[in-house]
Amino acid sequence: MAAEEAASKDESSPPELSETSPVKVSRPEMAKSSKRKNCWEKRDLFFDCLEKHENEQSACSAEKEAYGIACPGSWVKHFSKLRIQARYRASIQQLRDKGATVPESAVFDEASMSQHD
């Protein structure tokens, strides 16, 4: 039984490598992490460009394309929703700061956003 446990442990465990080991083990979680970071970087560049150009998407076509390539479509949709929400909330706050009365029904939340998919 001990031999079976050792064999099963060896099969599921990655090989241990020293600095001089000729074998390189691919680590999928590292690749995913770098892909996420790249996506976030491209998203930030695109959104910064939109802010700089007052939301004129034609001025940010290269950034938009890079963002679309770096991020899955579902992420692009999600990040876009979050940006719209943040901009809307900021405009509501600006109105309130100027003394306007804005009813709570005008402020949407995550639940109401998901109903508009």
C-alpha atoms as a PDB file:
ATOM      1  CA  MET A   1       0.000   0.000   0.000  1.00  0.00           C
ATOM      2  CA  ALA A   2       2.824   2.420   0.819  1.00  0.00           C
ATOM      3  CA  ALA A   3       4.302   1.819  -2.655  1.00  0.00           C
ATOM      4  CA  GLU A   4       0.919   2.653  -4.263  1.00  0.00           C
ATOM      5  CA  GLU A   5       0.645   5.895  -2.258  1.00  0.00           C
ATOM      6  CA  ALA A   6       4.193   6.877  -3.191  1.00  0.00           C
ATOM      7  CA  ALA A   7       3.508   6.121  -6.879  1.00  0.00           C
ATOM      8  CA  SER A   8       0.288   8.138  -6.866  1.00  0.00           C
ATOM      9  CA  LYS A   9       2.033  11.038  -5.110  1.00  0.00           C
ATOM     10  CA  ASP A  10       4.844  10.971  -7.656  1.00  0.00           C
ATOM     11  CA  GLU A  11       2.385  11.107 -10.578  1.00  0.00           C
ATOM     12  CA  SER A  12       0.455  14.100  -9.223  1.00  0.00           C
ATOM     13  CA  SER A  13       3.412  16.068  -7.894  1.00  0.00           C
ATOM     14  CA  PRO A  14       5.487  18.192 -10.240  1.00  0.00           C
ATOM     15  CA  PRO A  15       9.109  17.152 -10.521  1.00  0.00           C
ATOM     16  CA  GLU A  16      11.517  18.994  -8.282  1.00  0.00           C
ATOM     17  CA  LEU A  17      14.043  21.005 -10.202  1.00  0.00           C
ATOM     18  CA  SER A  18      17.375  22.410  -9.239  1.00  0.00           C
ATOM     19  CA  GLU A  19      18.883  25.519 -10.787  1.00  0.00           C
ATOM     20  CA  THR A  20      20.921  23.306 -13.107  1.00  0.00           C
ATOM     21  CA  SER A  21      18.071  21.016 -14.122  1.00  0.00           C
ATOM     22  CA  PRO A  22      17.715  20.793 -17.916  1.00  0.00           C
ATOM     23  CA  VAL A  23      13.932  20.300 -17.694  1.00  0.00           C
ATOM     24  CA  LYS A  24      11.715  23.359 -17.502  1.00  0.00           C
ATOM     25  CA  VAL A  25       8.214  22.915 -16.043  1.00  0.00           C
ATOM     26  CA  SER A  26       5.470  25.080 -17.455  1.00  0.00           C
ATOM     27  CA  ARG A  27       3.343  26.719 -14.753  1.00  0.00           C
ATOM     28  CA  PRO A  28      -0.124  27.539 -16.132  1.00  0.00           C
ATOM     29  CA  GLU A  29      -1.003  29.777 -13.198  1.00  0.00           C
ATOM     30  CA  MET A  30       1.958  31.991 -14.064  1.00  0.00           C
ATOM     31  CA  ALA A  31       0.832  32.275 -17.659  1.00  0.00           C
ATOM     32  CA  LYS A  32      -2.688  33.128 -16.546  1.00  0.00           C
ATOM     33  CA  SER A  33      -1.346  35.749 -14.179  1.00  0.00           C
ATOM     34  CA  SER A  34       0.693  37.403 -16.908  1.00  0.00           C
ATOM     35  CA  LYS A  35      -2.302  37.308 -19.250  1.00  0.00           C
ATOM     36  CA  ARG A  36      -4.485  38.959 -16.610  1.00  0.00           C
ATOM     37  CA  LYS A  37      -1.888  41.648 -15.996  1.00  0.00           C
ATOM     38  CA  ASN A  38      -1.571  42.274 -19.728  1.00  0.00           C
ATOM     39  CA  CYS A  39      -5.344  42.538 -20.052  1.00  0.00           C
ATOM     40  CA  TRP A  40      -5.557  45.020 -17.169  1.00  0.00           C
ATOM     41  CA  GLU A  41      -2.728  47.060 -18.645  1.00  0.00           C
ATOM     42  CA  LYS A  42      -4.435  47.254 -22.048  1.00  0.00           C
ATOM     43  CA  ARG A  43      -7.769  48.093 -20.381  1.00  0.00           C
ATOM     44  CA  ASP A  44      -6.152  50.916 -18.414  1.00  0.00           C
ATOM     45  CA  LEU A  45      -4.445  52.292 -21.524  1.00  0.00           C
ATOM     46  CA  PHE A  46      -7.734  52.269 -23.438  1.00  0.00           C
ATOM     47  CA  PHE A  47      -9.736  53.856 -20.616  1.00  0.00           C
ATOM     48  CA  ASP A  48      -7.013  56.486 -20.049  1.00  0.00           C
ATOM     49  CA  CYS A  49      -7.122  57.301 -23.748  1.00  0.00           C
ATOM     50  CA  LEU A  50     -10.910  57.667 -23.611  1.00  0.00           C
ATOM     51  CA  GLU A  51     -10.603  60.058 -20.666  1.00  0.00           C
ATOM     52  CA  LYS A  52      -7.916  62.062 -22.444  1.00  0.00           C
ATOM     53  CA  HIS A  53     -10.024  62.318 -25.611  1.00  0.00           C
ATOM     54  CA  GLU A  54     -13.381  62.917 -23.889  1.00  0.00           C
ATOM     55  CA  ASN A  55     -14.702  59.435 -24.735  1.00  0.00           C
ATOM     56  CA  GLU A  56     -14.036  59.786 -28.455  1.00  0.00           C
ATOM     57  CA  GLN A  57     -13.447  56.127 -29.351  1.00  0.00           C
ATOM     58  CA  SER A  58     -12.147  56.896 -32.824  1.00  0.00           C
ATOM     59  CA  ALA A  59      -9.170  58.642 -31.211  1.00  0.00           C
ATOM     60  CA  CYS A  60      -8.375  55.442 -29.307  1.00  0.00           C
ATOM     61  CA  SER A  61      -8.798  52.795 -31.983  1.00  0.00           C
ATOM     62  CA  ALA A  62      -5.320  51.292 -31.505  1.00  0.00           C
ATOM     63  CA  GLU A  63      -5.801  51.045 -27.734  1.00  0.00           C
ATOM     64  CA  LYS A  64      -9.277  49.574 -28.199  1.00  0.00           C
ATOM     65  CA  GLU A  65      -7.961  46.925 -30.571  1.00  0.00           C
ATOM     66  CA  ALA A  66      -5.123  45.969 -28.209  1.00  0.00           C
ATOM     67  CA  TYR A  67      -7.621  45.769 -25.332  1.00  0.00           C
ATOM     68  CA  GLY A  68      -9.928  43.518 -27.354  1.00  0.00           C
ATOM     69  CA  ILE A  69      -7.054  41.209 -28.234  1.00  0.00           C
ATOM     70  CA  ALA A  70      -5.613  41.023 -24.711  1.00  0.00           C
ATOM     71  CA  CYS A  71      -8.902  40.434 -22.876  1.00  0.00           C
ATOM     72  CA  PRO A  72     -11.691  37.892 -23.304  1.00  0.00           C
ATOM     73  CA  GLY A  73     -14.921  39.403 -24.623  1.00  0.00           C
ATOM     74  CA  SER A  74     -16.748  38.739 -21.369  1.00  0.00           C
ATOM     75  CA  TRP A  75     -14.080  40.727 -19.486  1.00  0.00           C
ATOM     76  CA  VAL A  76     -14.333  43.631 -21.936  1.00  0.00           C
ATOM     77  CA  LYS A  77     -18.099  43.700 -21.403  1.00  0.00           C
ATOM     78  CA  HIS A  78     -17.703  43.516 -17.612  1.00  0.00           C
ATOM     79  CA  PHE A  79     -15.022  46.229 -17.441  1.00  0.00           C
ATOM     80  CA  SER A  80     -17.110  48.457 -19.706  1.00  0.00           C
ATOM     81  CA  LYS A  81     -20.091  48.089 -17.376  1.00  0.00           C
ATOM     82  CA  LEU A  82     -17.945  48.951 -14.381  1.00  0.00           C
ATOM     83  CA  ARG A  83     -16.604  52.042 -16.152  1.00  0.00           C
ATOM     84  CA  ILE A  84     -20.101  53.188 -17.098  1.00  0.00           C
ATOM     85  CA  GLN A  85     -21.259  52.701 -13.516  1.00  0.00           C
ATOM     86  CA  ALA A  86     -18.299  54.640 -12.118  1.00  0.00           C
ATOM     87  CA  ARG A  87     -18.811  57.522 -14.537  1.00  0.00           C
ATOM     88  CA  TYR A  88     -22.541  57.617 -13.812  1.00  0.00           C
ATOM     89  CA  ARG A  89     -21.962  57.607 -10.054  1.00  0.00           C
ATOM     90  CA  ALA A  90     -19.405  60.404 -10.431  1.00  0.00           C
ATOM     91  CA  SER A  91     -21.875  62.514 -12.426  1.00  0.00           C
ATOM     92  CA  ILE A  92     -24.568  61.921  -9.776  1.00  0.00           C
ATOM     93  CA  GLN A  93     -22.110  62.960  -7.071  1.00  0.00           C
ATOM     94  CA  GLN A  94     -21.200  66.114  -9.000  1.00  0.00           C
ATOM     95  CA  LEU A  95     -24.880  67.024  -9.181  1.00  0.00           C
ATOM     96  CA  ARG A  96     -25.288  66.404  -5.454  1.00  0.00           C
ATOM     97  CA  ASP A  97     -22.182  68.459  -4.712  1.00  0.00           C
ATOM     98  CA  LYS A  98     -23.808  71.347  -6.589  1.00  0.00           C
ATOM     99  CA  GLY A  99     -26.898  71.037  -4.389  1.00  0.00           C
ATOM    100  CA  ALA A 100     -29.147  69.059  -6.711  1.00  0.00           C
ATOM    101  CA  THR A 101     -31.526  66.532  -5.207  1.00  0.00           C
ATOM    102  CA  VAL A 102     -31.033  63.210  -6.947  1.00  0.00           C
ATOM    103  CA  PRO A 103     -33.472  60.459  -5.950  1.00  0.00           C
ATOM    104  CA  GLU A 104     -31.965  57.151  -4.899  1.00  0.00           C
ATOM    105  CA  SER A 105     -33.968  55.476  -7.673  1.00  0.00           C
ATOM    106  CA  ALA A 106     -31.668  57.279 -10.149  1.00  0.00           C
ATOM    107  CA  VAL A 107     -28.633  55.508  -8.737  1.00  0.00           C
ATOM    108  CA  PHE A 108     -28.281  51.950  -9.953  1.00  0.00           C
ATOM    109  CA  ASP A 109     -26.407  49.153  -8.298  1.00  0.00           C
ATOM    110  CA  GLU A 110     -24.805  45.862  -9.342  1.00  0.00           C
ATOM    111  CA  ALA A 111     -28.154  44.030  -9.258  1.00  0.00           C
ATOM    112  CA  SER A 112     -29.873  46.499 -11.556  1.00  0.00           C
ATOM    113  CA  MET A 113     -26.907  46.469 -13.940  1.00  0.00           C
ATOM    114  CA  SER A 114     -27.039  42.696 -14.330  1.00  0.00           C
ATOM    115  CA  GLN A 115     -30.696  42.915 -15.383  1.00  0.00           C
ATOM    116  CA  HIS A 116     -29.639  44.870 -18.477  1.00  0.00           C
ATOM    117  CA  ASP A 117     -27.464  42.149 -20.003  1.00  0.00           C
END
